């Protein structure tokens, strides 16, 4: 069952534009207004769905950024440790072949 409502206080200019657009599309003013209102309602519904999905997506993005930061710090620490190990091995080799070291 279709719902009905009365729209009041539209200016003559607005009605002229609506009538012209309805005529251009070979539909009635009522059909045009129905399409506009249904599209508006669908857009609102999609916007609400986007807002509902936006918060979890922002949380995931925040978690990914945190993970990326932690991974970067971990890689930097590993690199530092590898450099220290390399230097220690080089010193060990140097001392092994240095006859002057006591």
Protein backbone atom coordinates (compact mmCIF):
# COMPACT_ATOMS: atom_id res chain seq x y z
CA UNK A 1 0.00 0.00 0.00
CA UNK A 2 1.41 3.36 -1.04
CA UNK A 3 1.55 6.20 1.46
CA UNK A 4 0.34 9.63 0.48
CA UNK A 5 1.20 13.08 1.70
CA UNK A 6 0.49 16.65 0.69
CA UNK A 7 3.32 19.03 -0.05
CA UNK A 8 2.62 22.68 0.65
CA UNK A 9 4.32 26.03 0.26
CA UNK A 10 6.29 25.28 -2.89
CA UNK A 11 7.00 28.43 -4.86
CA UNK A 12 5.66 28.90 -8.39
CA UNK A 13 9.25 28.91 -9.62
CA UNK A 14 9.93 25.52 -7.99
CA UNK A 15 6.74 24.04 -9.45
CA UNK A 16 7.69 25.38 -12.89
CA UNK A 17 11.08 23.65 -12.68
CA UNK A 18 9.52 20.39 -11.45
CA UNK A 19 6.87 20.48 -14.19
CA UNK A 20 9.49 21.17 -16.88
CA UNK A 21 11.68 18.28 -15.71
CA UNK A 22 8.69 15.95 -15.52
CA UNK A 23 7.65 16.92 -19.05
CA UNK A 24 11.21 16.45 -20.31
CA UNK A 25 11.17 12.89 -18.93
CA UNK A 26 7.59 12.18 -20.04
CA UNK A 27 6.42 11.48 -16.50
CA UNK A 28 3.99 13.15 -14.16
CA UNK A 29 5.01 15.66 -11.51
CA UNK A 30 3.97 13.12 -8.89
CA UNK A 31 6.14 10.40 -10.45
CA UNK A 32 9.13 12.76 -10.59
CA UNK A 33 8.71 13.77 -6.95
CA UNK A 34 8.35 10.11 -5.97
CA UNK A 35 11.64 9.29 -7.76
CA UNK A 36 13.40 12.23 -6.11
CA UNK A 37 12.15 11.34 -2.63
CA UNK A 38 12.96 7.63 -3.03
CA UNK A 39 16.46 8.46 -4.30
CA UNK A 40 16.92 10.83 -1.36
CA UNK A 41 15.82 8.12 1.08
CA UNK A 42 18.16 5.56 -0.55
CA UNK A 43 21.06 8.03 -0.39
CA UNK A 44 20.37 8.66 3.30
CA UNK A 45 20.24 4.94 3.97
CA UNK A 46 23.56 4.40 2.16
CA UNK A 47 25.12 7.35 3.98
CA UNK A 48 24.03 5.84 7.30
CA UNK A 49 25.45 2.46 6.25
CA UNK A 50 28.73 4.17 5.30
CA UNK A 51 28.88 5.86 8.70
CA UNK A 52 28.20 2.53 10.40
CA UNK A 53 31.01 0.89 8.41
CA UNK A 54 33.37 3.85 8.73
CA UNK A 55 34.11 3.39 12.44
CA UNK A 56 35.26 -0.26 12.16
CA UNK A 57 37.32 0.65 9.09
CA UNK A 58 38.97 3.47 11.01
CA UNK A 59 39.73 1.02 13.84
CA UNK A 60 41.31 -1.42 11.38
CA UNK A 61 43.34 1.40 9.84
CA UNK A 62 44.54 2.48 13.30
CA UNK A 63 45.52 -1.09 14.15
CA UNK A 64 47.36 -1.47 10.84
CA UNK A 65 49.22 1.79 11.46
CA UNK A 66 50.18 0.58 14.95
CA UNK A 67 51.35 -2.74 13.51
CA UNK A 68 53.36 -0.97 10.81
CA UNK A 69 54.99 1.27 13.41
CA UNK A 70 55.85 -1.71 15.64
CA UNK A 71 57.23 -3.64 12.65
CA UNK A 72 59.37 -0.68 11.62
CA UNK A 73 60.75 -0.30 15.14
CA UNK A 74 61.41 -4.03 15.34
CA UNK A 75 63.25 -4.01 12.01
CA UNK A 76 65.35 -1.05 13.17
CA UNK A 77 66.25 -2.90 16.39
CA UNK A 78 67.13 -6.05 14.44
CA UNK A 79 69.30 -4.01 12.07
CA UNK A 80 71.07 -2.39 15.02
CA UNK A 81 71.66 -5.80 16.62
CA UNK A 82 72.99 -7.25 13.35
CA UNK A 83 75.39 -4.33 12.97
CA UNK A 84 76.64 -4.82 16.54
CA UNK A 85 77.06 -8.56 15.91
CA UNK A 86 78.94 -7.87 12.67
CA UNK A 87 81.27 -5.46 14.46
CA UNK A 88 81.87 -7.98 17.26
CA UNK A 89 82.69 -10.74 14.75
CA UNK A 90 85.08 -8.41 12.89
CA UNK A 91 86.83 -7.55 16.16
CA UNK A 92 87.03 -11.22 17.08
CA UNK A 93 88.58 -12.08 13.71
CA UNK A 94 90.99 -9.16 14.05
CA UNK A 95 92.11 -10.32 17.50
CA UNK A 96 92.46 -13.92 16.29
CA UNK A 97 94.98 -12.89 13.65
CA UNK A 98 96.64 -10.04 15.57
CA UNK A 99 99.83 -11.39 17.15
CA UNK A 100 100.34 -8.25 19.21
CA UNK A 101 97.16 -8.72 21.24
CA UNK A 102 97.70 -10.31 24.66
